[in-house]
Amino acid sequence: MARSLKRAAALAVGAGLLAVTGMGGTAYAGSTGTVQIRVVGCVGTMKLDGGGSPNLATASLQSLTSNTCWLAFWDMNTTTGQKVSQGFSVRGNSSGSAGSAYYHDFEHKVAISISNGVTSAGSAWYN
């Protein structure tokens, strides 16, 4: 019982860190390629031309240690300012991908943020 409570607390902490991680930097019009961010033990990757489309972004996460890692995948409408996101975690020494891709163009920017439960980092916004 204590172990499951500890794990639930760790998940809540990780999710909280992702929620406060701000993305900075400039937006890059018509971006393609791969964006990668790292914190100790975790690597988050956003492929801006995933799924065979130059405007379709996908996100994945890899844990390089025995610790759990968290990733939030963001989409922001630059006209309305509305943000949507999806998040997931991977257990130690494993990897995973976001459930769905986001479309990015002149009006929609995408970003990722990751956390190892202690440290978090966010990418710039890309469109």
N, C-alpha and C. Protein backbone atom coordinates (compact mmCIF):
# COMPACT_ATOMS: atom_id res chain seq x y z
N MET A 1 0.83 -1.19 0.00
CA MET A 1 0.00 0.00 0.00
C MET A 1 0.87 1.26 0.00
N ALA A 2 1.89 1.29 0.83
CA ALA A 2 2.76 2.47 0.90
C ALA A 2 3.46 2.71 -0.42
N ARG A 3 3.84 1.64 -1.11
CA ARG A 3 4.52 1.78 -2.40
C ARG A 3 3.61 2.43 -3.43
N SER A 4 2.33 2.02 -3.47
CA SER A 4 1.41 2.62 -4.45
C SER A 4 1.14 4.08 -4.12
N LEU A 5 1.10 4.43 -2.85
CA LEU A 5 0.92 5.83 -2.48
C LEU A 5 2.15 6.65 -2.89
N LYS A 6 3.33 6.08 -2.69
CA LYS A 6 4.56 6.76 -3.08
C LYS A 6 4.58 6.99 -4.59
N ARG A 7 4.18 5.97 -5.34
CA ARG A 7 4.15 6.09 -6.80
C ARG A 7 3.13 7.14 -7.24
N ALA A 8 1.95 7.14 -6.62
CA ALA A 8 0.93 8.15 -6.95
C ALA A 8 1.45 9.54 -6.66
N ALA A 9 2.16 9.70 -5.55
CA ALA A 9 2.73 11.01 -5.23
C ALA A 9 3.77 11.42 -6.26
N ALA A 10 4.59 10.46 -6.69
CA ALA A 10 5.61 10.76 -7.70
C ALA A 10 4.96 11.18 -9.01
N LEU A 11 3.88 10.50 -9.40
CA LEU A 11 3.17 10.88 -10.63
C LEU A 11 2.61 12.29 -10.51
N ALA A 12 2.04 12.61 -9.36
CA ALA A 12 1.48 13.94 -9.16
C ALA A 12 2.57 15.00 -9.22
N VAL A 13 3.72 14.73 -8.60
CA VAL A 13 4.84 15.67 -8.65
C VAL A 13 5.31 15.86 -10.08
N GLY A 14 5.47 14.76 -10.82
CA GLY A 14 5.90 14.86 -12.21
C GLY A 14 4.93 15.66 -13.05
N ALA A 15 3.64 15.41 -12.90
CA ALA A 15 2.64 16.14 -13.65
C ALA A 15 2.66 17.62 -13.29
N GLY A 16 2.85 17.92 -12.00
CA GLY A 16 2.93 19.31 -11.56
C GLY A 16 4.12 20.03 -12.17
N LEU A 17 5.25 19.37 -12.24
CA LEU A 17 6.43 19.98 -12.85
C LEU A 17 6.19 20.29 -14.32
N LEU A 18 5.51 19.37 -15.01
CA LEU A 18 5.21 19.62 -16.42
C LEU A 18 4.28 20.81 -16.58
N ALA A 19 3.34 20.95 -15.66
CA ALA A 19 2.36 22.03 -15.76
C ALA A 19 3.01 23.40 -15.61
N VAL A 20 4.08 23.49 -14.86
CA VAL A 20 4.69 24.81 -14.65
C VAL A 20 5.87 25.07 -15.57
N THR A 21 6.26 24.10 -16.36
CA THR A 21 7.37 24.30 -17.27
C THR A 21 6.94 25.22 -18.40
N GLY A 22 7.60 26.34 -18.53
CA GLY A 22 7.27 27.26 -19.61
C GLY A 22 8.13 26.99 -20.83
N MET A 23 7.54 27.09 -21.97
CA MET A 23 8.30 26.97 -23.21
C MET A 23 8.74 28.36 -23.62
N GLY A 24 9.95 28.49 -24.07
CA GLY A 24 10.46 29.78 -24.48
C GLY A 24 10.99 29.72 -25.89
N GLY A 25 11.66 30.76 -26.29
CA GLY A 25 12.26 30.78 -27.61
C GLY A 25 11.29 31.28 -28.66
N THR A 26 11.80 31.33 -29.87
CA THR A 26 11.00 31.85 -30.97
C THR A 26 10.30 30.73 -31.71
N ALA A 27 9.30 31.09 -32.46
CA ALA A 27 8.61 30.12 -33.31
C ALA A 27 9.31 30.10 -34.66
N TYR A 28 9.37 28.95 -35.24
CA TYR A 28 10.07 28.77 -36.50
C TYR A 28 9.06 28.38 -37.57
N ALA A 29 8.86 29.24 -38.53
CA ALA A 29 7.85 28.99 -39.56
C ALA A 29 8.27 27.85 -40.46
N GLY A 30 7.32 26.98 -40.74
CA GLY A 30 7.57 25.88 -41.66
C GLY A 30 8.63 24.91 -41.18
N SER A 31 8.74 24.72 -39.87
CA SER A 31 9.79 23.88 -39.33
C SER A 31 9.62 22.42 -39.71
N THR A 32 10.73 21.78 -40.02
CA THR A 32 10.78 20.33 -40.18
C THR A 32 11.98 19.84 -39.39
N GLY A 33 12.13 18.55 -39.28
CA GLY A 33 13.26 18.01 -38.55
C GLY A 33 12.87 17.55 -37.17
N THR A 34 13.87 17.43 -36.29
CA THR A 34 13.67 16.87 -34.97
C THR A 34 14.18 17.82 -33.89
N VAL A 35 13.40 17.96 -32.84
CA VAL A 35 13.77 18.75 -31.67
C VAL A 35 13.95 17.77 -30.53
N GLN A 36 15.05 17.89 -29.80
CA GLN A 36 15.31 16.98 -28.70
C GLN A 36 15.68 17.77 -27.46
N ILE A 37 15.05 17.44 -26.33
CA ILE A 37 15.41 18.07 -25.05
C ILE A 37 15.72 16.96 -24.05
N ARG A 38 16.59 17.31 -23.10
CA ARG A 38 17.06 16.32 -22.14
C ARG A 38 17.04 16.89 -20.72
N VAL A 39 16.69 16.03 -19.78
CA VAL A 39 16.98 16.24 -18.37
C VAL A 39 17.65 14.95 -17.92
N VAL A 40 18.25 14.92 -16.75
CA VAL A 40 18.99 13.75 -16.31
C VAL A 40 18.12 12.49 -16.41
N GLY A 41 18.57 11.54 -17.22
CA GLY A 41 17.89 10.26 -17.35
C GLY A 41 16.74 10.22 -18.34
N CYS A 42 16.37 11.34 -18.94
CA CYS A 42 15.21 11.39 -19.84
C CYS A 42 15.54 12.15 -21.12
N VAL A 43 15.02 11.67 -22.24
CA VAL A 43 15.17 12.34 -23.52
C VAL A 43 13.79 12.47 -24.16
N GLY A 44 13.39 13.69 -24.44
CA GLY A 44 12.13 13.94 -25.14
C GLY A 44 12.43 14.36 -26.56
N THR A 45 11.68 13.82 -27.51
CA THR A 45 11.90 14.11 -28.92
C THR A 45 10.58 14.52 -29.57
N MET A 46 10.63 15.60 -30.34
CA MET A 46 9.48 16.02 -31.13
C MET A 46 9.93 16.02 -32.58
N LYS A 47 9.28 15.21 -33.39
CA LYS A 47 9.58 15.16 -34.81
C LYS A 47 8.56 16.05 -35.52
N LEU A 48 9.04 17.12 -36.13
CA LEU A 48 8.15 18.13 -36.71
C LEU A 48 7.59 17.71 -38.07
N ASP A 49 8.18 16.70 -38.66
CA ASP A 49 7.65 16.19 -39.93
C ASP A 49 7.35 14.70 -39.78
N GLY A 50 6.71 14.37 -38.68
CA GLY A 50 6.35 12.98 -38.40
C GLY A 50 5.18 12.52 -39.24
N GLY A 51 5.01 11.24 -39.32
CA GLY A 51 3.86 10.69 -40.04
C GLY A 51 3.86 10.97 -41.52
N GLY A 52 5.02 11.31 -42.08
CA GLY A 52 5.10 11.53 -43.52
C GLY A 52 4.59 12.88 -43.99
N SER A 53 4.31 13.80 -43.07
CA SER A 53 3.82 15.12 -43.45
C SER A 53 4.73 16.19 -42.86
N PRO A 54 5.09 17.23 -43.64
CA PRO A 54 5.93 18.30 -43.10
C PRO A 54 5.23 19.13 -42.03
N ASN A 55 3.91 18.99 -41.88
CA ASN A 55 3.17 19.78 -40.90
C ASN A 55 2.58 18.92 -39.78
N LEU A 56 3.03 17.70 -39.63
CA LEU A 56 2.50 16.83 -38.60
C LEU A 56 3.59 16.53 -37.58
N ALA A 57 3.38 16.95 -36.34
CA ALA A 57 4.37 16.75 -35.29
C ALA A 57 3.99 15.55 -34.42
N THR A 58 4.99 14.75 -34.08
CA THR A 58 4.83 13.63 -33.17
C THR A 58 5.81 13.79 -32.01
N ALA A 59 5.55 13.13 -30.90
CA ALA A 59 6.42 13.25 -29.73
C ALA A 59 6.67 11.88 -29.12
N SER A 60 7.89 11.72 -28.61
CA SER A 60 8.25 10.46 -27.93
C SER A 60 9.16 10.77 -26.75
N LEU A 61 9.28 9.79 -25.88
CA LEU A 61 10.03 9.95 -24.65
C LEU A 61 10.79 8.67 -24.34
N GLN A 62 12.01 8.82 -23.85
CA GLN A 62 12.82 7.66 -23.48
C GLN A 62 13.41 7.88 -22.10
N SER A 63 13.31 6.85 -21.25
CA SER A 63 13.97 6.85 -19.96
C SER A 63 15.28 6.08 -20.10
N LEU A 64 16.36 6.71 -19.72
CA LEU A 64 17.69 6.11 -19.84
C LEU A 64 18.16 5.45 -18.56
N THR A 65 17.37 5.58 -17.50
CA THR A 65 17.73 5.02 -16.19
C THR A 65 16.54 4.22 -15.65
N SER A 66 16.61 3.86 -14.40
CA SER A 66 15.51 3.10 -13.79
C SER A 66 14.38 4.01 -13.31
N ASN A 67 14.49 5.32 -13.54
CA ASN A 67 13.48 6.28 -13.09
C ASN A 67 12.41 6.53 -14.15
N THR A 68 11.24 6.92 -13.68
CA THR A 68 10.13 7.29 -14.56
C THR A 68 10.37 8.69 -15.13
N CYS A 69 9.96 8.89 -16.37
CA CYS A 69 10.04 10.19 -17.03
C CYS A 69 8.64 10.60 -17.50
N TRP A 70 8.38 11.90 -17.60
CA TRP A 70 7.10 12.43 -18.05
C TRP A 70 7.30 13.36 -19.23
N LEU A 71 6.33 13.38 -20.14
CA LEU A 71 6.36 14.29 -21.28
C LEU A 71 4.98 14.89 -21.48
N ALA A 72 4.94 16.19 -21.76
CA ALA A 72 3.71 16.87 -22.19
C ALA A 72 3.95 17.39 -23.60
N PHE A 73 2.99 17.17 -24.45
CA PHE A 73 3.04 17.55 -25.87
C PHE A 73 1.98 18.62 -26.06
N TRP A 74 2.39 19.80 -26.51
CA TRP A 74 1.53 20.99 -26.53
C TRP A 74 1.20 21.43 -27.95
N ASP A 75 0.01 21.98 -28.11
CA ASP A 75 -0.41 22.65 -29.34
C ASP A 75 -1.05 23.97 -28.93
N MET A 76 -0.66 25.06 -29.58
CA MET A 76 -1.22 26.37 -29.26
C MET A 76 -1.72 27.04 -30.54
N ASN A 77 -2.97 27.51 -30.49
CA ASN A 77 -3.54 28.28 -31.58
C ASN A 77 -3.11 29.73 -31.38
N THR A 78 -2.32 30.27 -32.31
CA THR A 78 -1.78 31.62 -32.13
C THR A 78 -2.83 32.71 -32.30
N THR A 79 -3.94 32.41 -32.94
CA THR A 79 -5.01 33.39 -33.09
C THR A 79 -5.81 33.54 -31.81
N THR A 80 -6.18 32.42 -31.19
CA THR A 80 -7.02 32.46 -29.99
C THR A 80 -6.21 32.35 -28.70
N GLY A 81 -4.97 31.88 -28.79
CA GLY A 81 -4.16 31.67 -27.60
C GLY A 81 -4.50 30.39 -26.86
N GLN A 82 -5.46 29.63 -27.38
CA GLN A 82 -5.88 28.39 -26.72
C GLN A 82 -4.80 27.31 -26.84
N LYS A 83 -4.53 26.64 -25.72
CA LYS A 83 -3.55 25.56 -25.69
C LYS A 83 -4.25 24.25 -25.37
N VAL A 84 -3.82 23.19 -26.01
CA VAL A 84 -4.23 21.84 -25.67
C VAL A 84 -2.97 21.02 -25.49
N SER A 85 -3.06 19.99 -24.70
CA SER A 85 -1.88 19.15 -24.50
C SER A 85 -2.29 17.72 -24.20
N GLN A 86 -1.35 16.85 -24.37
CA GLN A 86 -1.51 15.47 -23.96
C GLN A 86 -0.23 15.09 -23.23
N GLY A 87 -0.34 14.24 -22.26
CA GLY A 87 0.83 13.86 -21.50
C GLY A 87 0.87 12.37 -21.26
N PHE A 88 2.06 11.87 -21.02
CA PHE A 88 2.23 10.46 -20.69
C PHE A 88 3.56 10.28 -19.96
N SER A 89 3.73 9.13 -19.37
CA SER A 89 4.98 8.82 -18.69
C SER A 89 5.48 7.47 -19.17
N VAL A 90 6.77 7.25 -18.98
CA VAL A 90 7.37 5.95 -19.27
C VAL A 90 8.14 5.51 -18.03
N ARG A 91 8.08 4.24 -17.75
CA ARG A 91 8.83 3.69 -16.63
C ARG A 91 10.30 3.60 -17.00
N GLY A 92 11.10 3.32 -16.00
CA GLY A 92 12.54 3.25 -16.20
C GLY A 92 12.97 2.33 -17.33
N ASN A 93 14.00 2.76 -18.04
CA ASN A 93 14.60 2.00 -19.13
C ASN A 93 13.61 1.57 -20.20
N SER A 94 12.68 2.45 -20.52
CA SER A 94 11.72 2.16 -21.59
C SER A 94 11.43 3.44 -22.37
N SER A 95 10.57 3.32 -23.36
CA SER A 95 10.22 4.49 -24.17
C SER A 95 8.76 4.40 -24.56
N GLY A 96 8.23 5.52 -25.03
CA GLY A 96 6.84 5.57 -25.46
C GLY A 96 6.61 6.78 -26.34
N SER A 97 5.42 6.82 -26.93
CA SER A 97 5.06 7.91 -27.85
C SER A 97 3.72 8.51 -27.46
N ALA A 98 3.52 9.77 -27.83
CA ALA A 98 2.24 10.43 -27.61
C ALA A 98 1.15 9.71 -28.39
N GLY A 99 -0.06 9.76 -27.86
CA GLY A 99 -1.18 9.05 -28.46
C GLY A 99 -1.59 9.55 -29.83
N SER A 100 -1.40 10.83 -30.09
CA SER A 100 -1.76 11.36 -31.41
C SER A 100 -0.83 12.50 -31.78
N ALA A 101 -0.81 12.81 -33.05
CA ALA A 101 0.04 13.89 -33.58
C ALA A 101 -0.71 15.21 -33.54
N TYR A 102 0.03 16.32 -33.62
CA TYR A 102 -0.56 17.65 -33.75
C TYR A 102 -0.14 18.25 -35.08
N TYR A 103 -1.09 18.95 -35.70
CA TYR A 103 -0.82 19.67 -36.95
C TYR A 103 -0.24 21.03 -36.60
N HIS A 104 0.82 21.42 -37.28
CA HIS A 104 1.40 22.75 -37.05
C HIS A 104 1.52 23.49 -38.37
N ASP A 105 1.19 24.78 -38.32
CA ASP A 105 1.24 25.64 -39.51
C ASP A 105 1.38 27.08 -39.04
N PHE A 106 1.04 28.04 -39.89
CA PHE A 106 1.18 29.45 -39.55
C PHE A 106 0.36 29.83 -38.32
N GLU A 107 -0.69 29.08 -38.00
CA GLU A 107 -1.57 29.42 -36.89
C GLU A 107 -1.40 28.50 -35.68
N HIS A 108 -0.80 27.36 -35.87
CA HIS A 108 -0.66 26.38 -34.79
C HIS A 108 0.82 26.10 -34.51
N LYS A 109 1.20 26.30 -33.24
CA LYS A 109 2.57 26.02 -32.80
C LYS A 109 2.55 24.77 -31.92
N VAL A 110 3.67 24.06 -31.90
CA VAL A 110 3.79 22.87 -31.07
C VAL A 110 5.05 22.97 -30.22
N ALA A 111 5.04 22.28 -29.09
CA ALA A 111 6.19 22.25 -28.19
C ALA A 111 6.09 21.00 -27.32
N ILE A 112 7.19 20.64 -26.67
CA ILE A 112 7.18 19.57 -25.69
C ILE A 112 7.84 20.05 -24.41
N SER A 113 7.47 19.43 -23.31
CA SER A 113 8.18 19.62 -22.04
C SER A 113 8.34 18.25 -21.40
N ILE A 114 9.45 18.08 -20.68
CA ILE A 114 9.73 16.79 -20.05
C ILE A 114 10.14 17.01 -18.60
N SER A 115 10.04 15.94 -17.81
CA SER A 115 10.44 15.98 -16.42
C SER A 115 10.93 14.61 -15.97
N ASN A 116 11.87 14.62 -15.05
CA ASN A 116 12.31 13.38 -14.41
C ASN A 116 11.80 13.30 -12.97
N GLY A 117 10.88 14.17 -12.60
CA GLY A 117 10.33 14.22 -11.26
C GLY A 117 11.04 15.23 -10.38
N VAL A 118 12.23 15.67 -10.79
CA VAL A 118 12.99 16.67 -10.05
C VAL A 118 13.28 17.88 -10.93
N THR A 119 13.74 17.62 -12.13
CA THR A 119 14.10 18.66 -13.08
C THR A 119 13.17 18.59 -14.28
N SER A 120 12.82 19.75 -14.82
CA SER A 120 11.99 19.79 -16.02
C SER A 120 12.60 20.75 -17.03
N ALA A 121 12.21 20.56 -18.29
CA ALA A 121 12.70 21.43 -19.37
C ALA A 121 11.63 21.49 -20.44
N GLY A 122 11.58 22.60 -21.16
CA GLY A 122 10.64 22.76 -22.24
C GLY A 122 11.33 23.25 -23.49
N SER A 123 10.79 22.87 -24.63
CA SER A 123 11.34 23.32 -25.91
C SER A 123 10.77 24.70 -26.26
N ALA A 124 11.29 25.26 -27.32
CA ALA A 124 10.68 26.44 -27.92
C ALA A 124 9.38 26.02 -28.60
N TRP A 125 8.59 27.00 -29.02
CA TRP A 125 7.38 26.73 -29.82
C TRP A 125 7.78 26.72 -31.28
N TYR A 126 7.28 25.76 -32.01
CA TYR A 126 7.57 25.63 -33.44
C TYR A 126 6.26 25.64 -34.23
N ASN A 127 6.28 26.38 -35.37
CA ASN A 127 5.13 26.30 -36.28
C ASN A 127 5.66 26.10 -37.67
